PDB file of all heavy atoms in Angstrom:
ATOM      1  N   LEU A   1      -7.070   7.056   8.417  1.00  0.00           N
ATOM      2  CA  LEU A   1      -6.028   6.642   7.482  1.00  0.00           C
ATOM      3  C   LEU A   1      -6.621   5.857   6.318  1.00  0.00           C
ATOM      4  O   LEU A   1      -6.291   6.088   5.156  1.00  0.00           O
ATOM      5  CB  LEU A   1      -4.974   5.794   8.204  1.00  0.00           C
ATOM      6  CG  LEU A   1      -3.785   5.329   7.340  1.00  0.00           C
ATOM      7  CD1 LEU A   1      -3.017   6.529   6.798  1.00  0.00           C
ATOM      8  CD2 LEU A   1      -2.863   4.431   8.144  1.00  0.00           C
ATOM      9  N   GLY A   2      -7.517   4.926   6.633  1.00  0.00           N
ATOM     10  CA  GLY A   2      -8.161   4.137   5.582  1.00  0.00           C
ATOM     11  C   GLY A   2      -8.983   4.990   4.641  1.00  0.00           C
ATOM     12  O   GLY A   2      -8.925   4.831   3.419  1.00  0.00           O
ATOM     13  N   ILE A   3      -9.756   5.944   5.207  1.00  0.00           N
ATOM     14  CA  ILE A   3     -10.578   6.836   4.384  1.00  0.00           C
ATOM     15  C   ILE A   3      -9.693   7.722   3.508  1.00  0.00           C
ATOM     16  O   ILE A   3      -9.974   7.923   2.319  1.00  0.00           O
ATOM     17  CB  ILE A   3     -11.490   7.701   5.269  1.00  0.00           C
ATOM     18  CG1 ILE A   3     -12.559   6.820   5.950  1.00  0.00           C
ATOM     19  CG2 ILE A   3     -12.165   8.802   4.453  1.00  0.00           C
ATOM     20  CD1 ILE A   3     -13.406   7.559   6.953  1.00  0.00           C
ATOM     21  N   ALA A   4      -8.603   8.250   4.088  1.00  0.00           N
ATOM     22  CA  ALA A   4      -7.694   9.132   3.343  1.00  0.00           C
ATOM     23  C   ALA A   4      -7.081   8.404   2.157  1.00  0.00           C
ATOM     24  O   ALA A   4      -7.013   8.945   1.037  1.00  0.00           O
ATOM     25  CB  ALA A   4      -6.600   9.657   4.269  1.00  0.00           C
ATOM     26  N   ILE A   5      -6.637   7.175   2.382  1.00  0.00           N
ATOM     27  CA  ILE A   5      -6.035   6.386   1.292  1.00  0.00           C
ATOM     28  C   ILE A   5      -7.064   6.126   0.201  1.00  0.00           C
ATOM     29  O   ILE A   5      -6.789   6.274  -0.993  1.00  0.00           O
ATOM     30  CB  ILE A   5      -5.466   5.057   1.829  1.00  0.00           C
ATOM     31  CG1 ILE A   5      -4.252   5.329   2.732  1.00  0.00           C
ATOM     32  CG2 ILE A   5      -5.078   4.132   0.689  1.00  0.00           C
ATOM     33  CD1 ILE A   5      -3.735   4.101   3.440  1.00  0.00           C
ATOM     34  N   THR A   6      -8.277   5.756   0.602  1.00  0.00           N
ATOM     35  CA  THR A   6      -9.336   5.460  -0.360  1.00  0.00           C
ATOM     36  C   THR A   6      -9.678   6.682  -1.205  1.00  0.00           C
ATOM     37  O   THR A   6      -9.774   6.605  -2.430  1.00  0.00           O
ATOM     38  CB  THR A   6     -10.596   4.957   0.374  1.00  0.00           C
ATOM     39  OG1 THR A   6     -10.288   3.763   1.074  1.00  0.00           O
ATOM     40  CG2 THR A   6     -11.716   4.683  -0.623  1.00  0.00           C
ATOM     41  N   ILE A   7      -9.866   7.832  -0.556  1.00  0.00           N
ATOM     42  CA  ILE A   7     -10.206   9.063  -1.281  1.00  0.00           C
ATOM     43  C   ILE A   7      -9.084   9.435  -2.247  1.00  0.00           C
ATOM     44  O   ILE A   7      -9.326   9.785  -3.411  1.00  0.00           O
ATOM     45  CB  ILE A   7     -10.467  10.222  -0.294  1.00  0.00           C
ATOM     46  CG1 ILE A   7     -11.764   9.955   0.485  1.00  0.00           C
ATOM     47  CG2 ILE A   7     -10.570  11.556  -1.033  1.00  0.00           C
ATOM     48  CD1 ILE A   7     -12.031  10.953   1.578  1.00  0.00           C
ATOM     49  N   TYR A   8      -7.850   9.332  -1.762  1.00  0.00           N
ATOM     50  CA  TYR A   8      -6.695   9.660  -2.611  1.00  0.00           C
ATOM     51  C   TYR A   8      -6.654   8.773  -3.842  1.00  0.00           C
ATOM     52  O   TYR A   8      -6.450   9.237  -4.969  1.00  0.00           O
ATOM     53  CB  TYR A   8      -5.411   9.519  -1.795  1.00  0.00           C
ATOM     54  CG  TYR A   8      -4.154   9.748  -2.602  1.00  0.00           C
ATOM     55  CD1 TYR A   8      -3.826  11.021  -3.063  1.00  0.00           C
ATOM     56  CD2 TYR A   8      -3.297   8.701  -2.908  1.00  0.00           C
ATOM     57  CE1 TYR A   8      -2.674  11.235  -3.804  1.00  0.00           C
ATOM     58  CE2 TYR A   8      -2.145   8.907  -3.645  1.00  0.00           C
ATOM     59  CZ  TYR A   8      -1.842  10.176  -4.088  1.00  0.00           C
ATOM     60  OH  TYR A   8      -0.706  10.380  -4.827  1.00  0.00           O
ATOM     61  N   LEU A   9      -6.866   7.493  -3.635  1.00  0.00           N
ATOM     62  CA  LEU A   9      -6.813   6.549  -4.744  1.00  0.00           C
ATOM     63  C   LEU A   9      -7.930   6.798  -5.741  1.00  0.00           C
ATOM     64  O   LEU A   9      -7.742   6.671  -6.946  1.00  0.00           O
ATOM     65  CB  LEU A   9      -6.881   5.119  -4.210  1.00  0.00           C
ATOM     66  CG  LEU A   9      -5.671   4.650  -3.401  1.00  0.00           C
ATOM     67  CD1 LEU A   9      -5.920   3.263  -2.839  1.00  0.00           C
ATOM     68  CD2 LEU A   9      -4.420   4.654  -4.244  1.00  0.00           C
ATOM     69  N   LEU A  10      -9.129   7.149  -5.245  1.00  0.00           N
ATOM     70  CA  LEU A  10     -10.244   7.417  -6.145  1.00  0.00           C
ATOM     71  C   LEU A  10      -9.992   8.677  -6.974  1.00  0.00           C
ATOM     72  O   LEU A  10     -10.361   8.751  -8.142  1.00  0.00           O
ATOM     73  CB  LEU A  10     -11.542   7.568  -5.342  1.00  0.00           C
ATOM     74  CG  LEU A  10     -12.123   6.271  -4.764  1.00  0.00           C
ATOM     75  CD1 LEU A  10     -13.268   6.585  -3.831  1.00  0.00           C
ATOM     76  CD2 LEU A  10     -12.579   5.332  -5.872  1.00  0.00           C
ATOM     77  N   ILE A  11      -9.352   9.676  -6.375  1.00  0.00           N
ATOM     78  CA  ILE A  11      -9.104  10.942  -7.060  1.00  0.00           C
ATOM     79  C   ILE A  11      -8.062  10.800  -8.157  1.00  0.00           C
ATOM     80  O   ILE A  11      -8.207  11.351  -9.252  1.00  0.00           O
ATOM     81  CB  ILE A  11      -8.668  12.034  -6.050  1.00  0.00           C
ATOM     82  CG1 ILE A  11      -9.871  12.449  -5.182  1.00  0.00           C
ATOM     83  CG2 ILE A  11      -8.110  13.267  -6.778  1.00  0.00           C
ATOM     84  CD1 ILE A  11      -9.505  13.381  -4.056  1.00  0.00           C
ATOM     85  N   ILE A  12      -6.982  10.032  -7.901  1.00  0.00           N
ATOM     86  CA  ILE A  12      -5.873   9.991  -8.860  1.00  0.00           C
ATOM     87  C   ILE A  12      -6.146   9.099 -10.065  1.00  0.00           C
ATOM     88  O   ILE A  12      -5.367   9.065 -11.004  1.00  0.00           O
ATOM     89  CB  ILE A  12      -4.559   9.539  -8.182  1.00  0.00           C
ATOM     90  CG1 ILE A  12      -4.690   8.111  -7.634  1.00  0.00           C
ATOM     91  CG2 ILE A  12      -4.138  10.498  -7.106  1.00  0.00           C
ATOM     92  CD1 ILE A  12      -3.401   7.575  -7.047  1.00  0.00           C
ATOM     93  N   GLY A  13      -7.267   8.370 -10.075  1.00  0.00           N
ATOM     94  CA  GLY A  13      -7.623   7.588 -11.249  1.00  0.00           C
ATOM     95  C   GLY A  13      -7.191   6.137 -11.176  1.00  0.00           C
ATOM     96  O   GLY A  13      -6.401   5.743 -10.322  1.00  0.00           O
ATOM     97  N   SER A  14      -7.720   5.333 -12.111  1.00  0.00           N
ATOM     98  CA  SER A  14      -7.564   3.881 -12.030  1.00  0.00           C
ATOM     99  C   SER A  14      -6.120   3.420 -12.201  1.00  0.00           C
ATOM    100  O   SER A  14      -5.682   2.483 -11.541  1.00  0.00           O
ATOM    101  CB  SER A  14      -8.459   3.190 -13.070  1.00  0.00           C
ATOM    102  OG  SER A  14      -8.090   3.578 -14.371  1.00  0.00           O
ATOM    103  N   PHE A  15      -5.358   4.079 -13.105  1.00  0.00           N
ATOM    104  CA  PHE A  15      -3.991   3.618 -13.340  1.00  0.00           C
ATOM    105  C   PHE A  15      -3.140   3.769 -12.078  1.00  0.00           C
ATOM    106  O   PHE A  15      -2.514   2.823 -11.613  1.00  0.00           O
ATOM    107  CB  PHE A  15      -3.354   4.391 -14.500  1.00  0.00           C
ATOM    108  CG  PHE A  15      -1.902   4.061 -14.709  1.00  0.00           C
ATOM    109  CD1 PHE A  15      -1.529   2.819 -15.172  1.00  0.00           C
ATOM    110  CD2 PHE A  15      -0.916   4.997 -14.439  1.00  0.00           C
ATOM    111  CE1 PHE A  15      -0.196   2.498 -15.361  1.00  0.00           C
ATOM    112  CE2 PHE A  15       0.415   4.690 -14.626  1.00  0.00           C
ATOM    113  CZ  PHE A  15       0.776   3.441 -15.089  1.00  0.00           C
ATOM    114  N   ARG A  16      -3.120   4.982 -11.518  1.00  0.00           N
ATOM    115  CA  ARG A  16      -2.342   5.196 -10.291  1.00  0.00           C
ATOM    116  C   ARG A  16      -2.996   4.487  -9.106  1.00  0.00           C
ATOM    117  O   ARG A  16      -2.323   4.131  -8.142  1.00  0.00           O
ATOM    118  CB  ARG A  16      -2.191   6.692 -10.022  1.00  0.00           C
ATOM    119  CG  ARG A  16      -1.250   7.375 -11.008  1.00  0.00           C
ATOM    120  CD  ARG A  16      -0.989   8.813 -10.615  1.00  0.00           C
ATOM    121  NE  ARG A  16       0.017   9.423 -11.469  1.00  0.00           N
ATOM    122  CZ  ARG A  16      -0.253  10.022 -12.620  1.00  0.00           C
ATOM    123  NH1 ARG A  16      -1.500  10.099 -13.044  1.00  0.00           N
ATOM    124  NH2 ARG A  16       0.717  10.552 -13.338  1.00  0.00           N
ATOM    125  N   PHE A  17      -4.311   4.286  -9.196  1.00  0.00           N
ATOM    126  CA  PHE A  17      -5.033   3.508  -8.188  1.00  0.00           C
ATOM    127  C   PHE A  17      -4.437   2.103  -8.098  1.00  0.00           C
ATOM    128  O   PHE A  17      -4.056   1.625  -7.031  1.00  0.00           O
ATOM    129  CB  PHE A  17      -6.513   3.447  -8.593  1.00  0.00           C
ATOM    130  CG  PHE A  17      -7.429   2.862  -7.562  1.00  0.00           C
ATOM    131  CD1 PHE A  17      -8.190   3.692  -6.763  1.00  0.00           C
ATOM    132  CD2 PHE A  17      -7.566   1.497  -7.405  1.00  0.00           C
ATOM    133  CE1 PHE A  17      -9.049   3.169  -5.822  1.00  0.00           C
ATOM    134  CE2 PHE A  17      -8.410   0.959  -6.471  1.00  0.00           C
ATOM    135  CZ  PHE A  17      -9.158   1.807  -5.674  1.00  0.00           C
ATOM    136  N   ILE A  18      -4.359   1.438  -9.252  1.00  0.00           N
ATOM    137  CA  ILE A  18      -3.779   0.093  -9.306  1.00  0.00           C
ATOM    138  C   ILE A  18      -2.335   0.123  -8.823  1.00  0.00           C
ATOM    139  O   ILE A  18      -1.902  -0.710  -8.026  1.00  0.00           O
ATOM    140  CB  ILE A  18      -3.830  -0.463 -10.746  1.00  0.00           C
ATOM    141  CG1 ILE A  18      -5.281  -0.628 -11.205  1.00  0.00           C
ATOM    142  CG2 ILE A  18      -3.097  -1.799 -10.844  1.00  0.00           C
ATOM    143  CD1 ILE A  18      -5.426  -0.956 -12.661  1.00  0.00           C
ATOM    144  N   LEU A  19      -1.601   1.099  -9.329  1.00  0.00           N
ATOM    145  CA  LEU A  19      -0.174   1.184  -9.028  1.00  0.00           C
ATOM    146  C   LEU A  19       0.085   1.328  -7.533  1.00  0.00           C
ATOM    147  O   LEU A  19       0.911   0.623  -6.955  1.00  0.00           O
ATOM    148  CB  LEU A  19       0.432   2.372  -9.785  1.00  0.00           C
ATOM    149  CG  LEU A  19       1.933   2.576  -9.617  1.00  0.00           C
ATOM    150  CD1 LEU A  19       2.694   1.403 -10.198  1.00  0.00           C
ATOM    151  CD2 LEU A  19       2.357   3.861 -10.291  1.00  0.00           C
ATOM    152  N   LEU A  20      -0.636   2.248  -6.884  1.00  0.00           N
ATOM    153  CA  LEU A  20      -0.388   2.504  -5.473  1.00  0.00           C
ATOM    154  C   LEU A  20      -0.818   1.337  -4.593  1.00  0.00           C
ATOM    155  O   LEU A  20      -0.164   1.002  -3.605  1.00  0.00           O
ATOM    156  CB  LEU A  20      -1.097   3.791  -5.033  1.00  0.00           C
ATOM    157  CG  LEU A  20      -0.506   4.489  -3.817  1.00  0.00           C
ATOM    158  CD1 LEU A  20       0.968   4.810  -4.020  1.00  0.00           C
ATOM    159  CD2 LEU A  20      -1.286   5.745  -3.474  1.00  0.00           C
ATOM    160  N   VAL A  21      -1.947   0.704  -4.963  1.00  0.00           N
ATOM    161  CA  VAL A  21      -2.404  -0.468  -4.195  1.00  0.00           C
ATOM    162  C   VAL A  21      -1.392  -1.602  -4.301  1.00  0.00           C
ATOM    163  O   VAL A  21      -0.993  -2.203  -3.306  1.00  0.00           O
ATOM    164  CB  VAL A  21      -3.780  -0.943  -4.706  1.00  0.00           C
ATOM    165  CG1 VAL A  21      -4.149  -2.290  -4.094  1.00  0.00           C
ATOM    166  CG2 VAL A  21      -4.846   0.085  -4.352  1.00  0.00           C
ATOM    167  N   ILE A  22      -0.975  -1.866  -5.547  1.00  0.00           N
ATOM    168  CA  ILE A  22       0.000  -2.928  -5.773  1.00  0.00           C
ATOM    169  C   ILE A  22       1.311  -2.615  -5.053  1.00  0.00           C
ATOM    170  O   ILE A  22       2.020  -3.512  -4.610  1.00  0.00           O
ATOM    171  CB  ILE A  22       0.241  -3.125  -7.287  1.00  0.00           C
ATOM    172  CG1 ILE A  22      -1.011  -3.728  -7.913  1.00  0.00           C
ATOM    173  CG2 ILE A  22       1.444  -4.005  -7.567  1.00  0.00           C
ATOM    174  CD1 ILE A  22      -0.951  -3.851  -9.419  1.00  0.00           C
ATOM    175  N   TYR A  23       1.608  -1.340  -4.931  1.00  0.00           N
ATOM    176  CA  TYR A  23       2.857  -0.928  -4.299  1.00  0.00           C
ATOM    177  C   TYR A  23       2.764  -0.922  -2.774  1.00  0.00           C
ATOM    178  O   TYR A  23       3.652  -1.431  -2.083  1.00  0.00           O
ATOM    179  CB  TYR A  23       3.237   0.468  -4.793  1.00  0.00           C
ATOM    180  CG  TYR A  23       4.588   0.941  -4.310  1.00  0.00           C
ATOM    181  CD1 TYR A  23       5.753   0.376  -4.823  1.00  0.00           C
ATOM    182  CD2 TYR A  23       4.703   1.928  -3.342  1.00  0.00           C
ATOM    183  CE1 TYR A  23       6.995   0.788  -4.390  1.00  0.00           C
ATOM    184  CE2 TYR A  23       5.942   2.357  -2.901  1.00  0.00           C
ATOM    185  CZ  TYR A  23       7.085   1.784  -3.427  1.00  0.00           C
ATOM    186  OH  TYR A  23       8.308   2.185  -2.983  1.00  0.00           O
ATOM    187  N   LEU A  24       1.699  -0.354  -2.219  1.00  0.00           N
ATOM    188  CA  LEU A  24       1.616  -0.130  -0.774  1.00  0.00           C
ATOM    189  C   LEU A  24       1.380  -1.409   0.023  1.00  0.00           C
ATOM    190  O   LEU A  24       2.100  -1.698   0.986  1.00  0.00           O
ATOM    191  CB  LEU A  24       0.509   0.888  -0.484  1.00  0.00           C
ATOM    192  CG  LEU A  24       0.363   1.341   0.960  1.00  0.00           C
ATOM    193  CD1 LEU A  24       1.628   2.017   1.448  1.00  0.00           C
ATOM    194  CD2 LEU A  24      -0.837   2.267   1.118  1.00  0.00           C
ATOM    195  N   LEU A  25       0.396  -2.188  -0.373  1.00  0.00           N
ATOM    196  CA  LEU A  25       0.024  -3.364   0.418  1.00  0.00           C
ATOM    197  C   LEU A  25       1.143  -4.403   0.522  1.00  0.00           C
ATOM    198  O   LEU A  25       1.468  -4.854   1.622  1.00  0.00           O
ATOM    199  CB  LEU A  25      -1.247  -4.005  -0.158  1.00  0.00           C
ATOM    200  CG  LEU A  25      -2.515  -3.147  -0.095  1.00  0.00           C
ATOM    201  CD1 LEU A  25      -3.701  -3.930  -0.648  1.00  0.00           C
ATOM    202  CD2 LEU A  25      -2.808  -2.681   1.315  1.00  0.00           C
ATOM    203  N   PRO A  26       1.763  -4.796  -0.595  1.00  0.00           N
ATOM    204  CA  PRO A  26       2.847  -5.781  -0.476  1.00  0.00           C
ATOM    205  C   PRO A  26       4.035  -5.274   0.343  1.00  0.00           C
ATOM    206  O   PRO A  26       4.720  -6.068   0.978  1.00  0.00           O
ATOM    207  CB  PRO A  26       3.269  -6.039  -1.929  1.00  0.00           C
ATOM    208  CG  PRO A  26       2.098  -5.643  -2.735  1.00  0.00           C
ATOM    209  CD  PRO A  26       1.475  -4.506  -2.000  1.00  0.00           C
ATOM    210  N   ASN A  27       4.285  -3.956   0.317  1.00  0.00           N
ATOM    211  CA  ASN A  27       5.385  -3.407   1.108  1.00  0.00           C
ATOM    212  C   ASN A  27       5.163  -3.628   2.604  1.00  0.00           C
ATOM    213  O   ASN A  27       6.096  -3.994   3.328  1.00  0.00           O
ATOM    214  CB  ASN A  27       5.556  -1.909   0.821  1.00  0.00           C
ATOM    215  CG  ASN A  27       6.558  -1.655  -0.284  1.00  0.00           C
ATOM    216  OD1 ASN A  27       7.704  -2.085  -0.212  1.00  0.00           O
ATOM    217  ND2 ASN A  27       6.137  -0.968  -1.329  1.00  0.00           N
ATOM    218  N   ILE A  28       3.948  -3.402   3.050  1.00  0.00           N
ATOM    219  CA  ILE A  28       3.626  -3.623   4.465  1.00  0.00           C
ATOM    220  C   ILE A  28       3.786  -5.105   4.809  1.00  0.00           C
ATOM    221  O   ILE A  28       4.367  -5.475   5.829  1.00  0.00           O
ATOM    222  CB  ILE A  28       2.189  -3.155   4.773  1.00  0.00           C
ATOM    223  CG1 ILE A  28       2.049  -1.653   4.478  1.00  0.00           C
ATOM    224  CG2 ILE A  28       1.829  -3.424   6.223  1.00  0.00           C
ATOM    225  CD1 ILE A  28       0.627  -1.152   4.528  1.00  0.00           C
ATOM    226  N   TYR A  29       3.268  -5.927   3.932  1.00  0.00           N
ATOM    227  CA  TYR A  29       3.316  -7.384   4.125  1.00  0.00           C
ATOM    228  C   TYR A  29       4.765  -7.876   4.160  1.00  0.00           C
ATOM    229  O   TYR A  29       5.169  -8.656   5.025  1.00  0.00           O
ATOM    230  CB  TYR A  29       2.544  -8.038   2.984  1.00  0.00           C
ATOM    231  CG  TYR A  29       2.413  -9.536   3.072  1.00  0.00           C
ATOM    232  CD1 TYR A  29       1.434 -10.121   3.865  1.00  0.00           C
ATOM    233  CD2 TYR A  29       3.245 -10.364   2.335  1.00  0.00           C
ATOM    234  CE1 TYR A  29       1.291 -11.494   3.924  1.00  0.00           C
ATOM    235  CE2 TYR A  29       3.118 -11.741   2.392  1.00  0.00           C
ATOM    236  CZ  TYR A  29       2.132 -12.301   3.190  1.00  0.00           C
ATOM    237  OH  TYR A  29       2.003 -13.664   3.254  1.00  0.00           O
ATOM    238  N   LEU A  30       5.567  -7.383   3.200  1.00  0.00           N
ATOM    239  CA  LEU A  30       6.963  -7.804   3.098  1.00  0.00           C
ATOM    240  C   LEU A  30       7.768  -7.323   4.307  1.00  0.00           C
ATOM    241  O   LEU A  30       8.610  -8.056   4.835  1.00  0.00           O
ATOM    242  CB  LEU A  30       7.556  -7.229   1.803  1.00  0.00           C
ATOM    243  CG  LEU A  30       8.676  -8.026   1.123  1.00  0.00           C
ATOM    244  CD1 LEU A  30       8.211  -9.427   0.787  1.00  0.00           C
ATOM    245  CD2 LEU A  30       9.121  -7.313  -0.148  1.00  0.00           C
ATOM    246  N   HIS A  31       7.492  -6.110   4.742  1.00  0.00           N
ATOM    247  CA  HIS A  31       8.184  -5.563   5.911  1.00  0.00           C
ATOM    248  C   HIS A  31       7.967  -6.440   7.143  1.00  0.00           C
ATOM    249  O   HIS A  31       8.900  -6.757   7.884  1.00  0.00           O
ATOM    250  CB  HIS A  31       7.706  -4.135   6.188  1.00  0.00           C
ATOM    251  CG  HIS A  31       8.154  -3.606   7.512  1.00  0.00           C
ATOM    252  ND1 HIS A  31       7.372  -3.699   8.653  1.00  0.00           N
ATOM    253  CD2 HIS A  31       9.315  -3.005   7.902  1.00  0.00           C
ATOM    254  CE1 HIS A  31       8.028  -3.172   9.676  1.00  0.00           C
ATOM    255  NE2 HIS A  31       9.204  -2.749   9.246  1.00  0.00           N
ATOM    256  N   ASN A  32       6.724  -6.843   7.360  1.00  0.00           N
ATOM    257  CA  ASN A  32       6.406  -7.669   8.533  1.00  0.00           C
ATOM    258  C   ASN A  32       7.140  -9.003   8.507  1.00  0.00           C
ATOM    259  O   ASN A  32       7.515  -9.541   9.548  1.00  0.00           O
ATOM    260  CB  ASN A  32       4.898  -7.902   8.626  1.00  0.00           C
ATOM    261  CG  ASN A  32       4.144  -6.639   8.989  1.00  0.00           C
ATOM    262  OD1 ASN A  32       4.724  -5.695   9.519  1.00  0.00           O
ATOM    263  ND2 ASN A  32       2.858  -6.593   8.686  1.00  0.00           N
ATOM    264  N   HIS A  33       7.345  -9.533   7.314  1.00  0.00           N
ATOM    265  CA  HIS A  33       8.031 -10.826   7.196  1.00  0.00           C
ATOM    266  C   HIS A  33       9.541 -10.693   7.417  1.00  0.00           C
ATOM    267  O   HIS A  33      10.133 -11.431   8.197  1.00  0.00           O
ATOM    268  CB  HIS A  33       7.773 -11.437   5.819  1.00  0.00           C
ATOM    269  CG  HIS A  33       6.655 -12.432   5.827  1.00  0.00           C
ATOM    270  ND1 HIS A  33       6.764 -13.661   6.434  1.00  0.00           N
ATOM    271  CD2 HIS A  33       5.404 -12.372   5.328  1.00  0.00           C
ATOM    272  CE1 HIS A  33       5.639 -14.332   6.288  1.00  0.00           C
ATOM    273  NE2 HIS A  33       4.785 -13.559   5.621  1.00  0.00           N
ATOM    274  N   ILE A  34      10.141  -9.758   6.668  1.00  0.00           N
ATOM    275  CA  ILE A  34      11.602  -9.645   6.713  1.00  0.00           C
ATOM    276  C   ILE A  34      12.075  -9.152   8.074  1.00  0.00           C
ATOM    277  O   ILE A  34      13.165  -9.514   8.542  1.00  0.00           O
ATOM    278  CB  ILE A  34      12.098  -8.710   5.581  1.00  0.00           C
ATOM    279  CG1 ILE A  34      11.656  -9.264   4.223  1.00  0.00           C
ATOM    280  CG2 ILE A  34      13.614  -8.586   5.598  1.00  0.00           C
ATOM    281  CD1 ILE A  34      11.981  -8.359   3.055  1.00  0.00           C
ATOM    282  N   LYS A  35      11.252  -8.348   8.736  1.00  0.00           N
ATOM    283  CA  LYS A  35      11.638  -7.807  10.036  1.00  0.00           C
ATOM    284  C   LYS A  35      11.859  -8.909  11.071  1.00  0.00           C
ATOM    285  O   LYS A  35      12.639  -8.762  12.013  1.00  0.00           O
ATOM    286  CB  LYS A  35      10.562  -6.832  10.535  1.00  0.00           C
ATOM    287  CG  LYS A  35      10.978  -6.063  11.787  1.00  0.00           C
ATOM    288  CD  LYS A  35       9.892  -5.091  12.220  1.00  0.00           C
ATOM    289  CE  LYS A  35      10.301  -4.376  13.504  1.00  0.00           C
ATOM    290  NZ  LYS A  35       9.260  -3.435  13.967  1.00  0.00           N
ATOM    291  N   LYS A  36      11.179 -10.046  10.886  1.00  0.00           N
ATOM    292  CA  LYS A  36      11.312 -11.151  11.836  1.00  0.00           C
ATOM    293  C   LYS A  36      12.726 -11.729  11.856  1.00  0.00           C
ATOM    294  O   LYS A  36      13.108 -12.408  12.813  1.00  0.00           O
ATOM    295  CB  LYS A  36      10.307 -12.252  11.490  1.00  0.00           C
ATOM    296  CG  LYS A  36       8.866 -11.836  11.725  1.00  0.00           C
ATOM    297  CD  LYS A  36       7.897 -12.910  11.249  1.00  0.00           C
ATOM    298  CE  LYS A  36       6.456 -12.448  11.411  1.00  0.00           C
ATOM    299  NZ  LYS A  36       5.497 -13.454  10.892  1.00  0.00           N
ATOM    300  N   ILE A  37      13.475 -11.464  10.788  1.00  0.00           N
ATOM    301  CA  ILE A  37      14.857 -11.948  10.739  1.00  0.00           C
ATOM    302  C   ILE A  37      15.713 -11.182  11.743  1.00  0.00           C
ATOM    303  O   ILE A  37      16.658 -11.710  12.317  1.00  0.00           O
ATOM    304  CB  ILE A  37      15.430 -11.781   9.314  1.00  0.00           C
ATOM    305  CG1 ILE A  37      14.611 -12.626   8.331  1.00  0.00           C
ATOM    306  CG2 ILE A  37      16.895 -12.176   9.249  1.00  0.00           C
ATOM    307  CD1 ILE A  37      14.950 -12.367   6.882  1.00  0.00           C
ATOM    308  N   PHE A  38      15.355  -9.907  11.945  1.00  0.00           N
ATOM    309  CA  PHE A  38      16.112  -9.053  12.873  1.00  0.00           C
ATOM    310  C   PHE A  38      15.447  -9.114  14.245  1.00  0.00           C
ATOM    311  O   PHE A  38      14.496  -8.392  14.527  1.00  0.00           O
ATOM    312  CB  PHE A  38      16.154  -7.616  12.345  1.00  0.00           C
ATOM    313  CG  PHE A  38      16.728  -7.528  10.957  1.00  0.00           C
ATOM    314  CD1 PHE A  38      15.902  -7.583   9.837  1.00  0.00           C
ATOM    315  CD2 PHE A  38      18.098  -7.412  10.763  1.00  0.00           C
ATOM    316  CE1 PHE A  38      16.423  -7.510   8.563  1.00  0.00           C
ATOM    317  CE2 PHE A  38      18.629  -7.345   9.485  1.00  0.00           C
ATOM    318  CZ  PHE A  38      17.798  -7.398   8.384  1.00  0.00           C
ATOM    319  N   VAL A  39      15.945  -9.991  15.090  1.00  0.00           N
ATOM    320  CA  VAL A  39      15.292 -10.310  16.350  1.00  0.00           C
ATOM    321  C   VAL A  39      15.309  -9.141  17.328  1.00  0.00           C
ATOM    322  O   VAL A  39      14.293  -8.784  17.925  1.00  0.00           O
ATOM    323  CB  VAL A  39      15.944 -11.543  17.020  1.00  0.00           C
ATOM    324  CG1 VAL A  39      15.289 -11.819  18.360  1.00  0.00           C
ATOM    325  CG2 VAL A  39      15.839 -12.750  16.093  1.00  0.00           C
TER     326      VAL A  39
END
């Protein structure tokens, strides 16, 4: 999974690289936090 994401990001170029990283990582982080509200 890590290799696939890295290769994909390298192929699509720096702009979409930045965009997808900024988009994907915080979503995972935010999900883990907000989910704790739903016991």
